[in-house]
Amino acid sequence: MKSVSLCRVILAVVLWVLVFVPCGCSSYEQPGETVAEGRRRHLRNARINQGELMADMDKFMQSDKPSKLTDKRIP
């Protein structure tokens, strides 16, 4: 019984290594894209994601709207 489950685990690991490792994580390039274009695309995506994260944090902390407090000094 243990050998059957061990064989399944080994088979799953071998399939994962043969299928997902070569074509899954390392294929970020687009056809006809240079290295510089890929780097610009990655930087642009990171910049957009950071901006959206900051907008979400501002909304959560309620600092995305102007304050309705007075700008006059009150003694």
Protein backbone atom coordinates (compact mmCIF):
# COMPACT_ATOMS: atom_id res chain seq x y z
CA MET A 1 0.00 0.00 0.00
CA LYS A 2 2.80 2.43 0.85
CA SER A 3 4.67 1.63 -2.36
CA VAL A 4 1.66 2.60 -4.48
CA SER A 5 1.35 6.02 -2.84
CA LEU A 6 5.12 6.52 -3.00
CA CYS A 7 5.07 5.67 -6.73
CA ARG A 8 2.29 8.20 -7.29
CA VAL A 9 4.25 10.90 -5.47
CA ILE A 10 7.39 10.17 -7.46
CA LEU A 11 5.40 10.16 -10.72
CA ALA A 12 3.76 13.48 -9.81
CA VAL A 13 7.15 15.08 -9.04
CA VAL A 14 8.67 13.80 -12.28
CA LEU A 15 5.71 15.08 -14.33
CA TRP A 16 5.87 18.44 -12.59
CA VAL A 17 9.58 18.77 -13.34
CA LEU A 18 9.19 17.70 -16.96
CA VAL A 19 6.09 19.75 -17.78
CA PHE A 20 5.84 22.85 -15.60
CA VAL A 21 9.45 23.81 -14.97
CA PRO A 22 10.60 24.21 -18.61
CA CYS A 23 7.52 26.00 -19.91
CA GLY A 24 5.80 27.48 -16.88
CA CYS A 25 7.84 29.93 -14.88
CA SER A 26 10.56 30.96 -17.30
CA SER A 27 8.51 31.95 -20.35
CA TYR A 28 7.99 35.65 -19.63
CA GLU A 29 9.18 36.79 -23.03
CA GLN A 30 6.71 37.68 -25.74
CA PRO A 31 7.42 36.68 -29.34
CA GLY A 32 9.52 39.33 -31.07
CA GLU A 33 10.28 41.19 -27.84
CA THR A 34 13.80 42.32 -27.02
CA VAL A 35 15.29 42.11 -23.55
CA ALA A 36 15.01 45.89 -23.11
CA GLU A 37 11.33 45.84 -24.08
CA GLY A 38 10.66 43.00 -21.64
CA ARG A 39 12.40 44.90 -18.86
CA ARG A 40 10.37 48.06 -19.63
CA ARG A 41 7.16 46.01 -19.57
CA HIS A 42 8.07 44.50 -16.20
CA LEU A 43 8.97 47.89 -14.73
CA ARG A 44 5.73 49.40 -16.06
CA ASN A 45 3.67 46.59 -14.52
CA ALA A 46 5.46 47.00 -11.18
CA ARG A 47 4.89 50.80 -11.27
CA ILE A 48 1.18 50.35 -12.04
CA ASN A 49 0.77 47.72 -9.31
CA GLN A 50 2.50 49.96 -6.78
CA GLY A 51 0.25 52.89 -7.71
CA GLU A 52 -2.87 50.77 -7.34
CA LEU A 53 -1.66 49.48 -3.97
CA MET A 54 -1.05 53.03 -2.75
CA ALA A 55 -4.54 54.08 -3.95
CA ASP A 56 -6.08 51.16 -2.06
CA MET A 57 -4.15 52.08 1.09
CA ASP A 58 -5.25 55.71 0.80
CA LYS A 59 -8.87 54.63 0.43
CA PHE A 60 -8.58 52.29 3.44
CA MET A 61 -7.02 55.02 5.59
CA GLN A 62 -9.57 57.54 4.24
CA SER A 63 -6.91 59.94 3.06
CA ASP A 64 -8.03 59.90 -0.58
CA LYS A 65 -10.57 62.71 -0.06
CA PRO A 66 -9.85 66.27 1.02
CA SER A 67 -10.37 67.08 4.66
CA LYS A 68 -13.51 69.03 5.54
CA LEU A 69 -11.78 70.65 8.48
CA THR A 70 -11.37 74.40 8.46
CA ASP A 71 -8.09 75.98 7.43
CA LYS A 72 -8.68 78.89 9.85
CA ARG A 73 -7.00 78.96 13.22
CA ILE A 74 -9.44 78.75 16.07
CA PRO A 75 -8.22 80.20 19.40
